[in-house]
């Protein structure tokens, strides 16, 4: 069989190294991000590789590289997606006309804790990726999350008549809520196993945190 012309060989080689075939790209970025988010429920960010993501999404590892370039970019998109989902819930609560300022603040704490519980490695992802990377898109995401979240918390505290320092409260909430997830072995020493994973305990803890940090709420 005669050899392929040089141009044909070059074109085929470029396709293998670059854009995947039409069948491969039927899986979009959003599906890969969602598969990675689910993977992060059981794996810490440091153990998330292109191969692990590809296996979870049922795709070729090359597709991860094609869409995201590297794992850092993928994890940044995952963090942004989780943050966007949380923001949507927070905005619905903040815009409610049925909740008082104090109730909105309590609901905010519940939503934050719910996000940590549903995404148990999100705090680690935020710390390792968002806080200490110098990429422009990562810094922009960190700035956006911090400024918007702190501004919203500051307004809620003011509307609820709380004198708590909004910056201290913002910092404290991350640590005290995150430990409810990462400190599960401690919870299992304190509560029966079936209680540790219950929604009731989760909500009771969120209310406890609200009472602890915001004792002077109007309601």
Protein backbone atom coordinates (compact mmCIF):
# COMPACT_ATOMS: atom_id res chain seq x y z
CA UNK A 1 0.00 0.00 0.00
CA UNK A 2 1.52 3.33 -1.01
CA UNK A 3 2.48 5.72 1.77
CA UNK A 4 0.16 8.61 2.50
CA UNK A 5 1.20 11.96 1.12
CA UNK A 6 3.17 14.05 3.62
CA UNK A 7 0.30 16.56 4.04
CA UNK A 8 -2.20 13.81 4.90
CA UNK A 9 0.19 12.33 7.45
CA UNK A 10 0.76 15.73 9.01
CA UNK A 11 -2.97 16.46 9.21
CA UNK A 12 -3.72 13.13 10.89
CA UNK A 13 -0.88 13.59 13.34
CA UNK A 14 -2.11 17.06 14.29
CA UNK A 15 -5.62 15.74 14.96
CA UNK A 16 -4.31 13.03 17.27
CA UNK A 17 -2.28 15.52 19.31
CA UNK A 18 -4.81 18.36 19.26
CA UNK A 19 -8.54 18.38 18.83
CA UNK A 20 -10.16 14.98 19.51
CA UNK A 21 -12.36 13.32 16.95
CA UNK A 22 -16.05 14.21 16.59
CA UNK A 23 -17.10 11.25 18.72
CA UNK A 24 -14.80 12.30 21.56
CA UNK A 25 -15.98 15.92 21.73
CA UNK A 26 -19.59 14.82 22.16
CA UNK A 27 -18.74 15.01 25.88
CA UNK A 28 -18.66 18.71 26.76
CA UNK A 29 -16.75 20.70 29.35
CA UNK A 30 -19.71 20.82 31.72
CA UNK A 31 -19.91 17.02 31.87
CA UNK A 32 -16.20 16.79 32.72
CA UNK A 33 -16.52 19.48 35.39
CA UNK A 34 -19.48 17.64 36.95
CA UNK A 35 -17.61 14.31 36.88
CA UNK A 36 -14.65 15.98 38.59
CA UNK A 37 -16.89 17.58 41.21
CA UNK A 38 -18.34 14.17 42.04
CA UNK A 39 -14.85 12.67 42.10
CA UNK A 40 -13.83 15.29 44.66
CA UNK A 41 -16.40 13.88 47.07
CA UNK A 42 -14.06 10.95 47.67
CA UNK A 43 -10.65 12.18 46.50
CA UNK A 44 -8.64 15.18 47.73
CA UNK A 45 -7.56 17.65 45.01
CA UNK A 46 -3.94 16.42 45.12
CA UNK A 47 -5.05 12.97 43.96
CA UNK A 48 -7.23 14.17 41.10
CA UNK A 49 -5.39 13.37 37.86
CA UNK A 50 -6.32 13.47 34.19
CA UNK A 51 -6.55 9.68 34.24
CA UNK A 52 -8.86 9.66 37.28
CA UNK A 53 -11.09 12.31 35.72
CA UNK A 54 -11.17 10.47 32.40
CA UNK A 55 -12.21 7.24 34.10
CA UNK A 56 -14.93 9.03 36.10
CA UNK A 57 -16.28 10.76 32.98
CA UNK A 58 -15.81 7.76 30.67
CA UNK A 59 -13.60 9.66 28.24
CA UNK A 60 -10.08 9.65 26.86
CA UNK A 61 -7.56 11.58 29.05
CA UNK A 62 -6.66 13.65 26.01
CA UNK A 63 -10.07 15.28 26.13
CA UNK A 64 -9.29 16.72 29.57
CA UNK A 65 -6.12 18.27 28.18
CA UNK A 66 -8.00 19.51 25.11
CA UNK A 67 -10.64 21.39 27.11
CA UNK A 68 -8.65 22.52 30.15
CA UNK A 69 -4.95 22.28 29.37
CA UNK A 70 -4.02 21.02 32.82
CA UNK A 71 -5.56 19.86 36.08
CA UNK A 72 -5.16 23.27 37.74
CA UNK A 73 -7.39 24.89 35.13
CA UNK A 74 -9.96 22.10 35.48
CA UNK A 75 -10.01 22.37 39.27
CA UNK A 76 -10.36 26.14 39.00
CA UNK A 77 -13.45 25.66 36.85
CA UNK A 78 -14.79 23.11 39.34
CA UNK A 79 -14.27 25.54 42.22
CA UNK A 80 -16.00 28.27 40.24
CA UNK A 81 -18.93 25.95 39.49
CA UNK A 82 -19.36 24.99 43.15
CA UNK A 83 -19.12 28.64 44.16
CA UNK A 84 -21.69 29.62 41.51
CA UNK A 85 -24.13 26.97 42.75
CA UNK A 86 -23.72 28.20 46.29
CA UNK A 87 -24.11 31.81 45.17
CA UNK A 88 -27.38 31.00 43.46
CA UNK A 89 -28.78 29.64 46.72
CA UNK A 90 -27.46 32.62 48.69
CA UNK A 91 -29.02 35.11 46.28
CA UNK A 92 -32.41 33.43 46.51
CA UNK A 93 -32.22 33.64 50.30
CA UNK A 94 -30.98 37.25 50.31
CA UNK A 95 -33.77 38.39 47.98
CA UNK A 96 -36.51 36.68 49.95
CA UNK A 97 -39.27 38.98 51.19
CA UNK A 98 -40.49 36.39 53.69
CA UNK A 99 -37.30 36.10 55.74
CA UNK A 100 -36.16 38.66 58.29
CA UNK A 101 -32.53 39.90 58.17
CA UNK A 102 -31.68 37.60 61.07
CA UNK A 103 -33.29 34.62 59.37
CA UNK A 104 -31.42 35.40 56.17
CA UNK A 105 -28.17 35.37 58.10
CA UNK A 106 -28.99 32.01 59.66
CA UNK A 107 -29.99 30.66 56.27
CA UNK A 108 -26.67 31.84 54.87
CA UNK A 109 -24.80 29.81 57.48
CA UNK A 110 -26.89 26.76 56.61
CA UNK A 111 -26.16 27.15 52.90
CA UNK A 112 -22.43 27.48 53.51
CA UNK A 113 -22.40 24.35 55.66
CA UNK A 114 -24.52 22.49 53.12
CA UNK A 115 -21.96 23.37 50.43
CA UNK A 116 -19.12 21.97 52.53
CA UNK A 117 -21.06 18.78 53.29
CA UNK A 118 -21.99 18.19 49.63
CA UNK A 119 -18.43 19.03 48.52
CA UNK A 120 -16.25 17.72 51.35
CA UNK A 121 -12.96 18.71 49.71
CA UNK A 122 -14.09 22.17 48.60
CA UNK A 123 -12.35 23.90 51.50
CA UNK A 124 -9.12 22.07 50.70
CA UNK A 125 -9.57 22.92 47.04
CA UNK A 126 -10.12 26.56 47.94
CA UNK A 127 -7.06 26.69 50.18
CA UNK A 128 -4.66 24.82 47.91
CA UNK A 129 -5.86 26.23 44.62
CA UNK A 130 -7.58 29.55 45.14
CA UNK A 131 -5.51 31.00 47.98
CA UNK A 132 -2.00 30.12 46.94
CA UNK A 133 -1.88 30.09 43.13
CA UNK A 134 -0.69 33.13 41.22
CA UNK A 135 -2.46 32.58 37.93
CA UNK A 136 -4.51 35.58 36.84
CA UNK A 137 -7.76 33.63 36.53
CA UNK A 138 -7.25 32.07 39.96
CA UNK A 139 -6.54 35.44 41.58
CA UNK A 140 -9.58 36.92 39.88
CA UNK A 141 -11.77 34.10 41.22
CA UNK A 142 -10.36 34.53 44.73
CA UNK A 143 -10.98 38.27 44.61
CA UNK A 144 -14.50 37.84 43.28
CA UNK A 145 -15.52 35.22 45.85
CA UNK A 146 -14.03 37.14 48.78
CA UNK A 147 -15.31 40.60 47.89
CA UNK A 148 -18.83 39.56 46.98
CA UNK A 149 -19.28 37.18 49.91
CA UNK A 150 -17.87 39.60 52.47
CA UNK A 151 -19.96 42.49 51.15
CA UNK A 152 -23.12 40.39 51.39
CA UNK A 153 -22.28 39.19 54.90
CA UNK A 154 -21.51 42.74 56.01
CA UNK A 155 -24.90 43.95 54.77
CA UNK A 156 -26.75 41.08 56.43
CA UNK A 157 -25.05 41.77 59.74
CA UNK A 158 -25.89 45.45 59.49
CA UNK A 159 -29.51 44.80 58.55
CA UNK A 160 -29.86 42.30 61.40
CA UNK A 161 -28.49 44.81 63.89
CA UNK A 162 -25.42 42.72 64.70
CA UNK A 163 -22.25 44.44 65.87
CA UNK A 164 -20.04 41.49 64.93
CA UNK A 165 -16.95 42.36 62.90
CA UNK A 166 -17.86 41.25 59.38
CA UNK A 167 -14.27 40.42 58.44
CA UNK A 168 -13.69 38.29 61.52
CA UNK A 169 -17.07 36.63 60.98
CA UNK A 170 -16.23 35.87 57.36
CA UNK A 171 -12.94 34.23 58.32
CA UNK A 172 -14.41 32.35 61.30
CA UNK A 173 -17.29 30.89 59.30
CA UNK A 174 -14.95 29.09 56.91
CA UNK A 175 -12.99 27.40 59.65
CA UNK A 176 -15.80 26.52 62.03
CA UNK A 177 -18.07 25.15 59.30
CA UNK A 178 -15.32 23.31 57.45
CA UNK A 179 -14.34 21.35 60.56
CA UNK A 180 -17.83 19.87 60.73
CA UNK A 181 -16.83 17.99 57.55
CA UNK A 182 -13.10 17.37 57.94
CA UNK A 183 -13.49 16.61 61.64
CA UNK A 184 -16.01 13.83 61.11
CA UNK A 185 -13.89 11.28 63.06
CA UNK A 186 -14.27 13.55 66.09
CA UNK A 187 -18.03 13.78 65.54
CA UNK A 188 -18.18 9.99 65.42
CA UNK A 189 -16.63 9.89 68.89
CA UNK A 190 -19.31 12.23 70.17
CA UNK A 191 -22.44 11.02 68.37
CA UNK A 192 -23.86 7.71 67.14
CA UNK A 193 -22.96 7.00 63.51
CA UNK A 194 -26.50 7.43 62.23
CA UNK A 195 -26.66 10.88 63.86
CA UNK A 196 -23.37 12.11 62.38
CA UNK A 197 -24.64 11.92 58.83
CA UNK A 198 -28.08 13.31 59.55
CA UNK A 199 -29.54 16.52 58.16
CA UNK A 200 -30.84 17.39 61.61
CA UNK A 201 -27.37 17.44 63.15
CA UNK A 202 -26.14 19.52 60.22
CA UNK A 203 -28.89 22.11 60.72
CA UNK A 204 -28.49 22.09 64.50
CA UNK A 205 -24.78 22.80 64.10
CA UNK A 206 -25.48 25.65 61.66
CA UNK A 207 -27.90 27.19 64.16
CA UNK A 208 -25.34 26.75 66.95
CA UNK A 209 -22.74 28.58 64.87
CA UNK A 210 -25.19 31.41 64.19
CA UNK A 211 -25.93 31.73 67.90
CA UNK A 212 -22.24 31.59 68.74
CA UNK A 213 -21.11 34.26 66.27
CA UNK A 214 -24.19 36.45 66.06
CA UNK A 215 -25.67 36.57 69.55
CA UNK A 216 -27.03 40.08 69.14
CA UNK A 217 -29.34 39.43 66.19
CA UNK A 218 -32.67 41.23 66.14
CA UNK A 219 -34.41 38.03 65.13
